[in-house]
């Protein structure tokens, strides 16, 4: 479903590359809340003051955004 939504913007090859990274778990924001907190905490320790996050499914499924808001953000404050 995500690939269908990003393909018009990234093209077929770009969407495939995006999805490969998304599925691999190598992307900074992909993983369990604990994994994301660990990654972002390390970045915060190195000077990260803010971050922009992309939730491609948020237009039709807010569960990921809600989970991020409930578990990740408070852990970083």
PDB file of N, CA and C in Angstrom:
ATOM      1  N   UNK A   1       0.811  -1.182   0.000  1.00  0.00           N
ATOM      2  CA  UNK A   1       0.000   0.000   0.000  1.00  0.00           C
ATOM      3  C   UNK A   1       0.864   1.260   0.000  1.00  0.00           C
ATOM      4  N   UNK A   2       1.945   1.293   0.783  1.00  0.00           N
ATOM      5  CA  UNK A   2       2.824   2.454   0.811  1.00  0.00           C
ATOM      6  C   UNK A   2       3.471   2.640  -0.553  1.00  0.00           C
ATOM      7  N   UNK A   3       3.931   1.539  -1.165  1.00  0.00           N
ATOM      8  CA  UNK A   3       4.590   1.645  -2.458  1.00  0.00           C
ATOM      9  C   UNK A   3       3.659   2.265  -3.494  1.00  0.00           C
ATOM     10  N   UNK A   4       2.401   1.894  -3.473  1.00  0.00           N
ATOM     11  CA  UNK A   4       1.441   2.481  -4.409  1.00  0.00           C
ATOM     12  C   UNK A   4       1.332   3.986  -4.218  1.00  0.00           C
ATOM     13  N   UNK A   5       1.454   4.431  -2.998  1.00  0.00           N
ATOM     14  CA  UNK A   5       1.319   5.862  -2.718  1.00  0.00           C
ATOM     15  C   UNK A   5       2.567   6.662  -3.075  1.00  0.00           C
ATOM     16  N   UNK A   6       3.752   6.068  -2.952  1.00  0.00           N
ATOM     17  CA  UNK A   6       4.974   6.818  -3.258  1.00  0.00           C
ATOM     18  C   UNK A   6       5.390   6.722  -4.721  1.00  0.00           C
ATOM     19  N   UNK A   7       4.923   5.716  -5.443  1.00  0.00           N
ATOM     20  CA  UNK A   7       5.318   5.534  -6.844  1.00  0.00           C
ATOM     21  C   UNK A   7       5.019   6.749  -7.720  1.00  0.00           C
ATOM     22  N   UNK A   8       3.853   7.377  -7.626  1.00  0.00           N
ATOM     23  CA  UNK A   8       3.612   8.547  -8.477  1.00  0.00           C
ATOM     24  C   UNK A   8       4.605   9.686  -8.229  1.00  0.00           C
ATOM     25  N   UNK A   9       5.175   9.735  -7.052  1.00  0.00           N
ATOM     26  CA  UNK A   9       6.091  10.815  -6.702  1.00  0.00           C
ATOM     27  C   UNK A   9       7.555  10.453  -6.950  1.00  0.00           C
ATOM     28  N   UNK A  10       7.888   9.187  -6.786  1.00  0.00           N
ATOM     29  CA  UNK A  10       9.279   8.748  -6.896  1.00  0.00           C
ATOM     30  C   UNK A  10       9.584   7.993  -8.178  1.00  0.00           C
ATOM     31  N   UNK A  11       8.554   7.588  -8.911  1.00  0.00           N
ATOM     32  CA  UNK A  11       8.750   6.720 -10.062  1.00  0.00           C
ATOM     33  C   UNK A  11       8.901   5.284  -9.595  1.00  0.00           C
ATOM     34  N   UNK A  12       8.821   4.364 -10.526  1.00  0.00           N
ATOM     35  CA  UNK A  12       8.869   2.942 -10.179  1.00  0.00           C
ATOM     36  C   UNK A  12      10.188   2.556  -9.502  1.00  0.00           C
ATOM     37  N   UNK A  13      11.318   2.948 -10.103  1.00  0.00           N
ATOM     38  CA  UNK A  13      12.623   2.581  -9.538  1.00  0.00           C
ATOM     39  C   UNK A  13      12.840   3.243  -8.183  1.00  0.00           C
ATOM     40  N   UNK A  14      12.448   4.507  -8.061  1.00  0.00           N
ATOM     41  CA  UNK A  14      12.601   5.209  -6.793  1.00  0.00           C
ATOM     42  C   UNK A  14      11.747   4.603  -5.697  1.00  0.00           C
ATOM     43  N   UNK A  15      10.527   4.227  -6.050  1.00  0.00           N
ATOM     44  CA  UNK A  15       9.636   3.608  -5.078  1.00  0.00           C
ATOM     45  C   UNK A  15      10.171   2.254  -4.632  1.00  0.00           C
ATOM     46  N   UNK A  16      10.722   1.491  -5.554  1.00  0.00           N
ATOM     47  CA  UNK A  16      11.298   0.196  -5.190  1.00  0.00           C
ATOM     48  C   UNK A  16      12.482   0.372  -4.249  1.00  0.00           C
ATOM     49  N   UNK A  17      13.330   1.356  -4.531  1.00  0.00           N
ATOM     50  CA  UNK A  17      14.478   1.622  -3.662  1.00  0.00           C
ATOM     51  C   UNK A  17      14.015   2.078  -2.283  1.00  0.00           C
ATOM     52  N   UNK A  18      13.016   2.961  -2.254  1.00  0.00           N
ATOM     53  CA  UNK A  18      12.451   3.439  -0.994  1.00  0.00           C
ATOM     54  C   UNK A  18      11.915   2.276  -0.180  1.00  0.00           C
ATOM     55  N   UNK A  19      11.162   1.383  -0.823  1.00  0.00           N
ATOM     56  CA  UNK A  19      10.555   0.262  -0.116  1.00  0.00           C
ATOM     57  C   UNK A  19      11.616  -0.736   0.363  1.00  0.00           C
ATOM     58  N   UNK A  20      12.672  -0.927  -0.418  1.00  0.00           N
ATOM     59  CA  UNK A  20      13.746  -1.829   0.004  1.00  0.00           C
ATOM     60  C   UNK A  20      14.390  -1.309   1.287  1.00  0.00           C
ATOM     61  N   UNK A  21      14.646  -0.001   1.342  1.00  0.00           N
ATOM     62  CA  UNK A  21      15.219   0.586   2.550  1.00  0.00           C
ATOM     63  C   UNK A  21      14.220   0.516   3.699  1.00  0.00           C
ATOM     64  N   UNK A  22      12.978   0.807   3.401  1.00  0.00           N
ATOM     65  CA  UNK A  22      11.912   0.786   4.411  1.00  0.00           C
ATOM     66  C   UNK A  22      11.785  -0.597   5.038  1.00  0.00           C
ATOM     67  N   UNK A  23      11.809  -1.625   4.204  1.00  0.00           N
ATOM     68  CA  UNK A  23      11.652  -2.997   4.705  1.00  0.00           C
ATOM     69  C   UNK A  23      12.902  -3.537   5.385  1.00  0.00           C
ATOM     70  N   UNK A  24      14.062  -3.018   5.021  1.00  0.00           N
ATOM     71  CA  UNK A  24      15.310  -3.545   5.566  1.00  0.00           C
ATOM     72  C   UNK A  24      15.528  -3.177   7.028  1.00  0.00           C
ATOM     73  N   UNK A  25      14.873  -2.114   7.454  1.00  0.00           N
ATOM     74  CA  UNK A  25      15.100  -1.656   8.817  1.00  0.00           C
ATOM     75  C   UNK A  25      16.316  -0.764   8.931  1.00  0.00           C
ATOM     76  N   UNK A  26      16.998  -0.484   7.811  1.00  0.00           N
ATOM     77  CA  UNK A  26      18.164   0.392   7.840  1.00  0.00           C
ATOM     78  C   UNK A  26      17.777   1.862   7.944  1.00  0.00           C
ATOM     79  N   UNK A  27      16.564   2.181   7.603  1.00  0.00           N
ATOM     80  CA  UNK A  27      16.112   3.566   7.687  1.00  0.00           C
ATOM     81  C   UNK A  27      16.068   3.983   9.145  1.00  0.00           C
ATOM     82  N   UNK A  28      16.385   5.226   9.439  1.00  0.00           N
ATOM     83  CA  UNK A  28      16.451   5.707  10.816  1.00  0.00           C
ATOM     84  C   UNK A  28      15.141   5.532  11.572  1.00  0.00           C
ATOM     85  N   UNK A  29      14.025   5.709  10.916  1.00  0.00           N
ATOM     86  CA  UNK A  29      12.753   5.692  11.620  1.00  0.00           C
ATOM     87  C   UNK A  29      11.960   4.416  11.486  1.00  0.00           C
ATOM     88  N   UNK A  30      12.613   3.315  11.153  1.00  0.00           N
ATOM     89  CA  UNK A  30      11.895   2.053  10.998  1.00  0.00           C
ATOM     90  C   UNK A  30      12.341   1.110  12.094  1.00  0.00           C
ATOM     91  N   UNK A  31      11.401   0.586  12.835  1.00  0.00           N
ATOM     92  CA  UNK A  31      11.716  -0.358  13.891  1.00  0.00           C
ATOM     93  C   UNK A  31      10.715  -0.249  15.018  1.00  0.00           C
ATOM     94  N   UNK A  32      11.033  -0.909  16.099  1.00  0.00           N
ATOM     95  CA  UNK A  32      10.186  -0.811  17.279  1.00  0.00           C
ATOM     96  C   UNK A  32      10.390   0.563  17.913  1.00  0.00           C
ATOM     97  N   UNK A  33       9.469   0.997  18.763  1.00  0.00           N
ATOM     98  CA  UNK A  33       9.701   2.273  19.450  1.00  0.00           C
ATOM     99  C   UNK A  33      11.040   2.298  20.195  1.00  0.00           C
ATOM    100  N   UNK A  34      11.416   1.196  20.809  1.00  0.00           N
ATOM    101  CA  UNK A  34      12.678   1.134  21.539  1.00  0.00           C
ATOM    102  C   UNK A  34      13.868   1.322  20.601  1.00  0.00           C
ATOM    103  N   UNK A  35      13.830   0.707  19.423  1.00  0.00           N
ATOM    104  CA  UNK A  35      14.912   0.851  18.452  1.00  0.00           C
ATOM    105  C   UNK A  35      15.015   2.288  17.953  1.00  0.00           C
ATOM    106  N   UNK A  36      13.876   2.902  17.713  1.00  0.00           N
ATOM    107  CA  UNK A  36      13.882   4.281  17.227  1.00  0.00           C
ATOM    108  C   UNK A  36      14.390   5.224  18.313  1.00  0.00           C
ATOM    109  N   UNK A  37      13.972   5.009  19.550  1.00  0.00           N
ATOM    110  CA  UNK A  37      14.470   5.827  20.656  1.00  0.00           C
ATOM    111  C   UNK A  37      15.986   5.684  20.762  1.00  0.00           C
ATOM    112  N   UNK A  38      16.505   4.474  20.653  1.00  0.00           N
ATOM    113  CA  UNK A  38      17.954   4.256  20.717  1.00  0.00           C
ATOM    114  C   UNK A  38      18.673   5.037  19.624  1.00  0.00           C
ATOM    115  N   UNK A  39      18.175   4.950  18.387  1.00  0.00           N
ATOM    116  CA  UNK A  39      18.820   5.661  17.267  1.00  0.00           C
ATOM    117  C   UNK A  39      18.759   7.170  17.461  1.00  0.00           C
ATOM    118  N   UNK A  40      17.572   7.661  17.806  1.00  0.00           N
ATOM    119  CA  UNK A  40      17.419   9.108  17.944  1.00  0.00           C
ATOM    120  C   UNK A  40      18.138   9.629  19.192  1.00  0.00           C
ATOM    121  N   UNK A  41      18.230   8.832  20.242  1.00  0.00           N
ATOM    122  CA  UNK A  41      18.969   9.248  21.436  1.00  0.00           C
ATOM    123  C   UNK A  41      20.437   9.448  21.109  1.00  0.00           C
ATOM    124  N   UNK A  42      20.979   8.534  20.322  1.00  0.00           N
ATOM    125  CA  UNK A  42      22.372   8.682  19.899  1.00  0.00           C
ATOM    126  C   UNK A  42      22.573   9.943  19.077  1.00  0.00           C
ATOM    127  N   UNK A  43      21.632  10.240  18.214  1.00  0.00           N
ATOM    128  CA  UNK A  43      21.722  11.455  17.413  1.00  0.00           C
ATOM    129  C   UNK A  43      21.550  12.694  18.290  1.00  0.00           C
ATOM    130  N   UNK A  44      20.672  12.605  19.274  1.00  0.00           N
ATOM    131  CA  UNK A  44      20.454  13.717  20.209  1.00  0.00           C
ATOM    132  C   UNK A  44      21.736  14.000  20.986  1.00  0.00           C
ATOM    133  N   UNK A  45      22.421  12.938  21.406  1.00  0.00           N
ATOM    134  CA  UNK A  45      23.681  13.088  22.135  1.00  0.00           C
ATOM    135  C   UNK A  45      24.753  13.760  21.291  1.00  0.00           C
ATOM    136  N   UNK A  46      24.637  13.617  19.974  1.00  0.00           N
ATOM    137  CA  UNK A  46      25.599  14.236  19.062  1.00  0.00           C
ATOM    138  C   UNK A  46      25.144  15.608  18.571  1.00  0.00           C
ATOM    139  N   UNK A  47      24.055  16.137  19.154  1.00  0.00           N
ATOM    140  CA  UNK A  47      23.664  17.500  18.846  1.00  0.00           C
ATOM    141  C   UNK A  47      22.346  17.683  18.112  1.00  0.00           C
ATOM    142  N   UNK A  48      21.633  16.627  17.831  1.00  0.00           N
ATOM    143  CA  UNK A  48      20.350  16.765  17.143  1.00  0.00           C
ATOM    144  C   UNK A  48      19.394  17.568  18.010  1.00  0.00           C
ATOM    145  N   UNK A  49      18.883  18.663  17.447  1.00  0.00           N
ATOM    146  CA  UNK A  49      17.957  19.499  18.176  1.00  0.00           C
ATOM    147  C   UNK A  49      16.511  19.288  17.764  1.00  0.00           C
ATOM    148  N   UNK A  50      16.302  18.875  16.534  1.00  0.00           N
ATOM    149  CA  UNK A  50      14.961  18.575  16.043  1.00  0.00           C
ATOM    150  C   UNK A  50      15.089  17.645  14.852  1.00  0.00           C
ATOM    151  N   UNK A  51      14.010  17.001  14.514  1.00  0.00           N
ATOM    152  CA  UNK A  51      14.008  16.088  13.372  1.00  0.00           C
ATOM    153  C   UNK A  51      12.660  16.173  12.674  1.00  0.00           C
ATOM    154  N   UNK A  52      12.681  15.973  11.404  1.00  0.00           N
ATOM    155  CA  UNK A  52      11.460  15.927  10.616  1.00  0.00           C
ATOM    156  C   UNK A  52      11.226  14.466  10.251  1.00  0.00           C
ATOM    157  N   UNK A  53      10.063  13.957  10.557  1.00  0.00           N
ATOM    158  CA  UNK A  53       9.751  12.555  10.309  1.00  0.00           C
ATOM    159  C   UNK A  53       8.656  12.437   9.260  1.00  0.00           C
ATOM    160  N   UNK A  54       8.721  11.384   8.516  1.00  0.00           N
ATOM    161  CA  UNK A  54       7.785  11.141   7.428  1.00  0.00           C
ATOM    162  C   UNK A  54       6.993   9.878   7.743  1.00  0.00           C
ATOM    163  N   UNK A  55       5.683  10.006   7.792  1.00  0.00           N
ATOM    164  CA  UNK A  55       4.797   8.872   8.020  1.00  0.00           C
ATOM    165  C   UNK A  55       3.934   8.717   6.775  1.00  0.00           C
ATOM    166  N   UNK A  56       4.392   7.957   5.782  1.00  0.00           N
ATOM    167  CA  UNK A  56       3.675   7.905   4.503  1.00  0.00           C
ATOM    168  C   UNK A  56       2.260   7.362   4.607  1.00  0.00           C
ATOM    169  N   UNK A  57       1.988   6.587   5.611  1.00  0.00           N
ATOM    170  CA  UNK A  57       0.669   5.985   5.745  1.00  0.00           C
ATOM    171  C   UNK A  57      -0.295   6.854   6.556  1.00  0.00           C
ATOM    172  N   UNK A  58       0.155   7.971   7.100  1.00  0.00           N
ATOM    173  CA  UNK A  58      -0.636   8.758   8.044  1.00  0.00           C
ATOM    174  C   UNK A  58      -1.957   9.272   7.478  1.00  0.00           C
ATOM    175  N   UNK A  59      -2.045   9.429   6.179  1.00  0.00           N
ATOM    176  CA  UNK A  59      -3.293   9.930   5.581  1.00  0.00           C
ATOM    177  C   UNK A  59      -4.438   8.936   5.740  1.00  0.00           C
ATOM    178  N   UNK A  60      -4.100   7.652   5.859  1.00  0.00           N
ATOM    179  CA  UNK A  60      -5.147   6.630   5.936  1.00  0.00           C
ATOM    180  C   UNK A  60      -4.985   5.692   7.130  1.00  0.00           C
ATOM    181  N   UNK A  61      -3.868   5.784   7.852  1.00  0.00           N
ATOM    182  CA  UNK A  61      -3.645   4.930   9.019  1.00  0.00           C
ATOM    183  C   UNK A  61      -2.754   5.691   9.994  1.00  0.00           C
ATOM    184  N   UNK A  62      -3.307   6.152  11.079  1.00  0.00           N
ATOM    185  CA  UNK A  62      -2.561   6.984  12.031  1.00  0.00           C
ATOM    186  C   UNK A  62      -1.914   6.181  13.162  1.00  0.00           C
ATOM    187  N   UNK A  63      -1.954   4.872  13.107  1.00  0.00           N
ATOM    188  CA  UNK A  63      -1.432   4.081  14.226  1.00  0.00           C
ATOM    189  C   UNK A  63       0.063   4.301  14.435  1.00  0.00           C
ATOM    190  N   UNK A  64       0.838   4.382  13.362  1.00  0.00           N
ATOM    191  CA  UNK A  64       2.281   4.615  13.493  1.00  0.00           C
ATOM    192  C   UNK A  64       2.582   5.973  14.094  1.00  0.00           C
ATOM    193  N   UNK A  65       1.862   6.972  13.656  1.00  0.00           N
ATOM    194  CA  UNK A  65       2.018   8.327  14.179  1.00  0.00           C
ATOM    195  C   UNK A  65       1.625   8.388  15.652  1.00  0.00           C
ATOM    196  N   UNK A  66       0.541   7.735  16.003  1.00  0.00           N
ATOM    197  CA  UNK A  66       0.086   7.699  17.390  1.00  0.00           C
ATOM    198  C   UNK A  66       1.092   6.965  18.274  1.00  0.00           C
ATOM    199  N   UNK A  67       1.643   5.866  17.798  1.00  0.00           N
ATOM    200  CA  UNK A  67       2.645   5.114  18.552  1.00  0.00           C
ATOM    201  C   UNK A  67       3.897   5.961  18.764  1.00  0.00           C
ATOM    202  N   UNK A  68       4.325   6.678  17.730  1.00  0.00           N
ATOM    203  CA  UNK A  68       5.484   7.567  17.830  1.00  0.00           C
ATOM    204  C   UNK A  68       5.224   8.648  18.883  1.00  0.00           C
ATOM    205  N   UNK A  69       4.051   9.238  18.819  1.00  0.00           N
ATOM    206  CA  UNK A  69       3.683  10.299  19.756  1.00  0.00           C
ATOM    207  C   UNK A  69       3.624   9.782  21.196  1.00  0.00           C
ATOM    208  N   UNK A  70       3.086   8.597  21.379  1.00  0.00           N
ATOM    209  CA  UNK A  70       2.869   8.037  22.712  1.00  0.00           C
ATOM    210  C   UNK A  70       4.148   7.466  23.339  1.00  0.00           C
ATOM    211  N   UNK A  71       5.016   6.844  22.518  1.00  0.00           N
ATOM    212  CA  UNK A  71       6.162   6.122  23.096  1.00  0.00           C
ATOM    213  C   UNK A  71       7.525   6.714  22.785  1.00  0.00           C
ATOM    214  N   UNK A  72       7.696   7.287  21.611  1.00  0.00           N
ATOM    215  CA  UNK A  72       9.026   7.767  21.222  1.00  0.00           C
ATOM    216  C   UNK A  72       9.285   9.180  21.750  1.00  0.00           C
ATOM    217  N   UNK A  73       8.370  10.100  21.468  1.00  0.00           N
ATOM    218  CA  UNK A  73       8.598  11.489  21.856  1.00  0.00           C
ATOM    219  C   UNK A  73       8.846  11.635  23.359  1.00  0.00           C
ATOM    220  N   UNK A  74       8.001  11.057  24.221  1.00  0.00           N
ATOM    221  CA  UNK A  74       8.271  11.230  25.664  1.00  0.00           C
ATOM    222  C   UNK A  74       9.619  10.655  26.102  1.00  0.00           C
ATOM    223  N   UNK A  75      10.073   9.616  25.460  1.00  0.00           N
ATOM    224  CA  UNK A  75      11.358   9.008  25.825  1.00  0.00           C
ATOM    225  C   UNK A  75      12.536   9.893  25.462  1.00  0.00           C
ATOM    226  N   UNK A  76      12.325  10.836  24.551  1.00  0.00           N
ATOM    227  CA  UNK A  76      13.414  11.704  24.106  1.00  0.00           C
ATOM    228  C   UNK A  76      13.423  13.060  24.812  1.00  0.00           C
ATOM    229  N   UNK A  77      12.379  13.346  25.568  1.00  0.00           N
ATOM    230  CA  UNK A  77      12.309  14.651  26.253  1.00  0.00           C
ATOM    231  C   UNK A  77      13.170  14.694  27.480  1.00  0.00           C
TER     232      UNK A  77
END
